[in-house]
Protein backbone atom coordinates (compact mmCIF):
# COMPACT_ATOMS: atom_id res chain seq x y z
CA MET A 1 20.27 17.72 -6.70
CA ILE A 2 16.93 16.02 -6.10
CA LYS A 3 16.22 14.72 -2.53
CA SER A 4 13.30 12.70 -1.43
CA MET A 5 10.99 13.80 1.40
CA THR A 6 10.96 10.17 3.15
CA GLY A 7 14.24 9.25 5.17
CA TYR A 8 15.30 7.77 8.15
CA GLY A 9 18.34 8.37 10.25
CA ARG A 10 19.77 7.48 14.01
CA SER A 11 22.64 7.88 15.88
CA GLU A 12 23.83 7.35 19.51
CA ALA A 13 26.72 7.91 21.60
CA VAL A 14 27.77 8.05 25.49
CA ILE A 15 29.22 11.62 26.16
CA ASP A 16 30.27 12.90 29.63
CA GLY A 17 28.36 9.86 31.44
CA LYS A 18 25.09 10.22 29.37
CA LYS A 19 23.88 8.03 27.00
CA ILE A 20 22.34 10.34 24.04
CA TYR A 21 20.57 8.95 20.96
CA CYS A 22 18.54 10.63 18.48
CA GLU A 23 16.09 9.27 15.96
CA ILE A 24 14.92 11.33 12.82
CA LYS A 25 12.18 10.10 10.34
CA SER A 26 10.20 11.81 7.65
CA VAL A 27 7.21 11.60 5.03
CA ASN A 28 5.95 13.82 2.35
CA HIS A 29 4.20 17.01 3.38
CA ARG A 30 3.27 20.17 1.31
CA TYR A 31 5.14 22.40 3.84
CA SER A 32 8.02 21.78 6.71
CA ASP A 33 6.34 20.51 9.82
CA TYR A 34 8.48 19.55 12.63
CA SER A 35 7.52 17.32 15.83
CA ILE A 36 10.34 17.21 18.09
CA LYS A 37 10.32 15.18 21.49
CA VAL A 38 12.85 15.41 24.34
CA PRO A 39 13.10 14.29 27.74
CA ARG A 40 11.28 15.94 30.60
CA ASN A 41 13.08 19.30 31.82
CA HIS A 42 14.91 19.43 28.84
CA GLY A 43 12.74 21.64 26.83
CA PHE A 44 15.31 24.16 26.12
CA LEU A 45 16.89 21.62 23.55
CA GLU A 46 13.76 21.80 21.03
CA ASP A 47 14.40 25.14 19.43
CA LYS A 48 18.10 24.35 19.07
CA ILE A 49 17.41 21.06 17.64
CA LYS A 50 14.72 22.56 15.28
CA LYS A 51 17.19 25.19 14.01
CA LEU A 52 19.84 22.59 13.31
CA ALA A 53 17.38 20.41 11.24
CA SER A 54 16.07 23.13 9.41
CA GLU A 55 19.45 24.12 8.01
CA LYS A 56 19.34 20.55 6.39
CA ILE A 57 15.80 19.89 5.72
CA SER A 58 13.38 22.43 3.76
CA ARG A 59 10.22 20.47 3.38
CA GLY A 60 8.40 17.22 4.60
CA LYS A 61 6.70 16.16 8.03
CA VAL A 62 9.72 15.51 10.35
CA ASP A 63 9.65 13.53 13.49
CA ILE A 64 12.67 14.12 15.81
CA TYR A 65 13.13 12.15 19.07
CA VAL A 66 16.20 12.79 21.37
CA GLY A 67 16.73 10.63 24.47
CA ILE A 68 19.19 11.06 27.36
CA GLU A 69 20.10 8.35 29.94
CA TYR A 70 22.12 9.19 32.63
CA CYS A 71 24.87 6.34 33.09
CA GLU A 72 28.01 6.98 35.35
CA THR A 73 26.83 9.91 37.43
CA SER A 74 23.29 10.76 38.87
CA ASP A 75 21.50 13.98 37.75
CA ARG A 76 20.14 14.28 41.52
CA LYS A 77 21.68 14.73 44.84
CA ILE A 78 20.35 13.29 47.95
CA TYR A 79 20.23 15.30 51.31
CA LEU A 80 19.73 13.69 54.83
CA ASN A 81 17.35 15.74 57.00
CA SER A 82 19.64 14.78 60.49
CA GLU A 83 17.37 16.72 62.92
CA LEU A 84 14.11 15.05 61.53
CA ALA A 85 16.02 11.56 61.87
CA LYS A 86 16.89 12.43 65.43
CA GLU A 87 13.55 13.34 66.18
CA TYR A 88 12.34 9.91 64.62
CA ILE A 89 15.05 7.80 66.62
CA SER A 90 14.04 9.70 69.93
CA ALA A 91 10.28 8.94 69.54
CA LEU A 92 11.15 5.31 68.79
CA SER A 93 13.39 5.17 71.77
CA GLN A 94 10.68 6.53 73.91
CA LEU A 95 8.11 3.94 72.54
CA ARG A 96 10.50 1.12 73.40
CA ASP A 97 11.04 2.22 76.93
CA GLU A 98 7.47 2.92 77.75
CA MET A 99 6.08 -0.53 76.07
CA SER A 100 8.99 -2.46 76.92
CA LEU A 101 9.58 -3.41 73.19
CA ARG A 102 12.35 -5.28 71.64
CA ASP A 103 15.15 -2.70 70.59
CA ASP A 104 15.37 -3.12 66.72
CA ILE A 105 15.75 0.52 65.52
CA SER A 106 17.99 0.07 62.42
CA VAL A 107 18.93 2.40 59.89
CA MET A 108 16.68 0.97 57.25
CA GLY A 109 13.90 1.00 59.56
CA VAL A 110 14.37 4.97 60.49
CA ALA A 111 15.13 5.45 56.35
CA ARG A 112 11.50 4.39 55.86
CA PHE A 113 9.95 7.22 57.51
CA PRO A 114 8.94 10.26 55.18
CA ASP A 115 11.15 13.44 54.78
CA ILE A 116 14.32 11.76 56.22
CA PHE A 117 15.93 12.14 52.62
CA ARG A 118 15.29 15.02 50.04
CA ALA A 119 16.39 14.35 46.55
CA GLU A 120 17.35 17.79 44.59
CA ARG A 121 18.23 17.67 40.74
CA LEU A 122 21.65 18.91 40.04
CA GLU A 123 21.99 22.26 37.87
CA GLU A 124 22.68 21.18 34.47
CA ASP A 125 25.27 22.83 32.37
CA GLU A 126 22.94 23.57 29.25
CA ASP A 127 25.61 24.69 26.90
CA LYS A 128 27.72 21.37 27.51
CA LEU A 129 24.73 19.14 27.42
CA TRP A 130 23.71 20.78 24.08
CA GLU A 131 26.95 20.32 22.64
CA ALA A 132 26.75 16.68 23.30
CA VAL A 133 23.11 16.58 21.95
CA LYS A 134 24.17 18.63 18.91
CA GLU A 135 27.02 16.12 17.92
CA VAL A 136 24.64 13.09 18.05
CA THR A 137 21.87 14.85 16.25
CA GLY A 138 24.25 15.94 13.53
CA LYS A 139 25.29 12.39 12.92
CA ALA A 140 21.60 11.36 12.68
CA LEU A 141 20.80 14.00 10.22
CA ALA A 142 23.92 12.95 8.12
CA GLU A 143 22.67 9.33 7.93
CA PHE A 144 18.99 10.93 7.44
CA THR A 145 20.10 13.19 4.52
CA ALA A 146 22.12 10.31 2.81
CA MET A 147 18.89 8.08 2.70
CA ARG A 148 17.02 11.11 1.26
CA GLU A 149 19.62 11.83 -1.62
CA ARG A 150 19.96 7.84 -2.37
CA GLU A 151 16.11 7.85 -2.90
CA GLY A 152 16.36 11.28 -4.76
CA GLU A 153 18.77 9.74 -7.35
CA ARG A 154 16.45 6.69 -7.92
CA ILE A 155 13.46 9.25 -8.31
CA GLU A 156 15.61 11.48 -10.64
CA LYS A 157 16.60 8.25 -13.04
CA ASP A 158 12.70 7.75 -13.25
CA LEU A 159 11.82 11.20 -14.10
CA THR A 160 14.64 11.65 -16.48
CA ALA A 161 13.67 8.42 -18.41
CA ARG A 162 10.11 9.69 -18.71
CA ILE A 163 11.02 13.26 -19.73
CA GLU A 164 13.23 11.84 -22.58
CA TYR A 165 10.19 9.61 -23.52
CA MET A 166 7.92 12.73 -23.57
CA ARG A 167 10.47 14.40 -25.78
CA SER A 168 10.29 11.81 -28.39
CA VAL A 169 6.60 11.72 -28.17
CA ALA A 170 6.48 15.46 -28.85
CA ALA A 171 8.96 15.13 -31.76
CA LYS A 172 6.48 12.47 -33.30
CA VAL A 173 3.74 15.02 -33.01
CA GLU A 174 5.66 17.78 -34.64
CA GLU A 175 6.61 15.47 -37.44
CA ARG A 176 2.94 14.34 -37.95
CA SER A 177 1.18 17.97 -37.87
CA PRO A 178 2.31 18.84 -41.29
CA GLU A 179 1.19 15.59 -42.70
CA THR A 180 -2.31 16.29 -41.34
CA VAL A 181 -2.45 19.18 -43.57
CA GLU A 182 -1.35 17.73 -46.55
CA GLU A 183 -3.82 14.97 -45.96
CA TYR A 184 -6.58 17.61 -45.42
CA LYS A 185 -5.66 19.35 -48.72
CA ASN A 186 -5.74 16.01 -50.74
CA LYS A 187 -9.13 15.21 -49.25
CA LEU A 188 -10.52 18.74 -49.98
CA TYR A 189 -9.57 18.67 -53.58
CA SER A 190 -10.90 15.28 -53.95
CA LYS A 191 -14.25 16.07 -52.54
CA ILE A 192 -14.37 19.49 -54.35
CA ALA A 193 -13.56 17.70 -57.86
CA GLU A 194 -16.27 15.22 -56.92
CA VAL A 195 -18.70 17.90 -56.35
CA LEU A 196 -17.79 19.89 -59.47
CA ASP A 197 -17.77 16.90 -61.63
CA GLY A 198 -15.19 17.96 -64.10
CA ARG A 199 -15.48 21.64 -63.70
CA GLU A 200 -12.32 23.76 -62.90
CA VAL A 201 -11.12 23.64 -59.32
CA ASP A 202 -10.77 27.10 -57.60
CA GLU A 203 -7.13 26.77 -56.71
CA ALA A 204 -6.93 29.93 -54.63
CA ARG A 205 -9.97 28.79 -52.84
CA VAL A 206 -8.78 25.61 -51.82
CA LEU A 207 -5.36 27.01 -50.70
CA THR A 208 -7.12 29.60 -48.42
CA GLU A 209 -9.05 26.85 -46.81
CA VAL A 210 -6.23 24.77 -46.38
CA ALA A 211 -4.08 27.68 -44.64
CA ILE A 212 -7.05 28.33 -42.37
CA PHE A 213 -7.23 24.61 -41.39
CA ALA A 214 -3.18 24.79 -40.94
CA ASP A 215 -3.40 27.61 -38.75
CA LYS A 216 -6.13 26.25 -36.78
CA ILE A 217 -4.46 22.78 -36.06
CA ALA A 218 -0.91 24.07 -35.86
CA VAL A 219 0.80 22.75 -32.70
CA ASN A 220 4.70 23.88 -33.42
CA GLU A 221 4.32 26.53 -30.91
CA GLU A 222 3.22 24.14 -28.28
CA THR A 223 5.86 21.57 -29.39
CA VAL A 224 8.45 24.19 -28.98
CA ARG A 225 7.42 25.24 -25.47
CA LEU A 226 7.13 21.51 -24.30
CA CYS A 227 10.64 20.94 -25.32
CA SER A 228 11.59 24.31 -23.60
CA HIS A 229 9.98 22.89 -20.51
CA PHE A 230 11.97 19.58 -20.74
CA ASP A 231 15.06 21.70 -20.97
CA GLU A 232 14.04 23.60 -17.80
CA PHE A 233 13.49 20.46 -16.06
CA TYR A 234 17.36 19.50 -16.31
CA LYS A 235 18.15 23.16 -14.99
CA ILE A 236 16.00 22.54 -12.15
CA ILE A 237 17.29 19.31 -11.14
CA SER A 238 21.07 20.22 -11.53
CA SER A 239 20.26 23.16 -9.11
CA ASP A 240 21.64 23.16 -5.31
CA GLU A 241 18.16 24.61 -4.51
CA PRO A 242 15.21 22.42 -3.36
CA ALA A 243 13.61 21.20 -6.44
CA GLY A 244 9.93 19.81 -5.60
CA ARG A 245 7.81 22.81 -5.74
CA ARG A 246 9.45 24.23 -9.02
CA LEU A 247 9.17 20.84 -10.50
CA ASP A 248 5.45 20.58 -9.43
CA PHE A 249 4.99 24.14 -11.28
CA LEU A 250 6.87 22.97 -14.37
CA ILE A 251 4.64 19.90 -14.70
CA GLN A 252 1.54 22.13 -14.75
CA GLU A 253 2.86 24.03 -17.63
CA ILE A 254 3.79 20.78 -19.36
CA ASN A 255 0.23 19.54 -18.91
CA ARG A 256 -1.28 22.75 -20.19
CA GLU A 257 0.80 22.60 -23.39
CA ILE A 258 -0.35 18.95 -23.97
CA ASN A 259 -4.05 19.93 -23.38
CA THR A 260 -3.77 22.73 -25.78
CA THR A 261 -2.25 20.14 -28.44
CA GLY A 262 -4.81 17.69 -27.98
CA SER A 263 -7.76 20.23 -28.33
CA LYS A 264 -6.16 21.51 -31.60
CA SER A 265 -5.86 18.21 -32.99
CA ASN A 266 -8.53 16.23 -35.02
CA ASP A 267 -6.00 13.54 -36.15
CA ILE A 268 -6.42 10.09 -34.44
CA GLU A 269 -2.41 9.65 -34.35
CA ILE A 270 -1.81 12.80 -32.77
CA SER A 271 -4.52 12.17 -30.26
CA ARG A 272 -3.01 8.83 -29.45
CA TYR A 273 0.36 10.85 -28.68
CA VAL A 274 -1.45 13.25 -26.59
CA VAL A 275 -2.91 10.42 -24.51
CA GLU A 276 0.51 8.81 -23.94
CA LEU A 277 1.98 12.33 -23.05
CA LYS A 278 -0.89 12.85 -20.61
CA GLY A 279 -0.29 9.40 -18.87
CA GLU A 280 3.30 10.15 -18.41
CA THR A 281 2.68 13.72 -16.95
CA GLU A 282 0.40 12.20 -14.20
CA LYS A 283 3.38 9.64 -13.53
CA LEU A 284 5.65 12.78 -13.23
CA ARG A 285 3.14 14.35 -11.12
CA GLU A 286 3.04 11.54 -8.54
CA GLN A 287 7.04 11.15 -8.32
CA VAL A 288 7.30 14.90 -7.81
CA GLN A 289 5.13 14.81 -4.66
CA ASN A 290 7.94 12.77 -3.18
CA ILE A 291 10.61 15.47 -3.64
CA GLU A 292 11.73 18.03 -1.11
């Protein structure tokens, strides 16, 4: 199955009082390149997320963002420094008495002094958090993969149509090639007859020249290999393995056979077919750059 390298997927859920969301997007790339962003103090998730994603993605520039928001419970615990608070209150009381000030010592007033409260992050259950993140990331990956497969189907239809058109053009080349030999033979006979001006034509010599010409311009080997490459295309796209690199190599081989056919041809009609094949090959090459 063909998959595009372009895709997008998103998922979110509230699990154990945490809102977890994951966003995945990718574009074309020659290799696999991951950029993973997670909240601060959750770096341990990066390698796990990359490993999970790599099971589904073999190629492309992939950006993955995971966010975690604490909804029902806090990830921190607040501690009161009672001894320090007593010292502050005692000092305030002394200030009040010595300066004959109005007594307005209050909880909010004392709480403004530094170090009265200390916040400490609660120890996270990493395994439990990972299971929650894994669930959300897995759903985002499923949506992401589905989009890549839909785009892959569209690309496959386009590639298949072009391959079949190229097969029909190659058949025309194969059909036309023997005709060029016959035309050459007739022209050669005509030219020799004109030069000899009624004298006998050396039949054997003419047939030898025609045979040399036929061997020189013969493209049946190239057209046979072209059709073999077209058959290989279907084998590749029907495989469960990633097809992008293999198709890229196959198109190079197709292009090589077309170039050889063009270099052998001295026939205008065959040259026109070769130009058509070259144009279609470039369109194939462009599309294959989008395939995983």
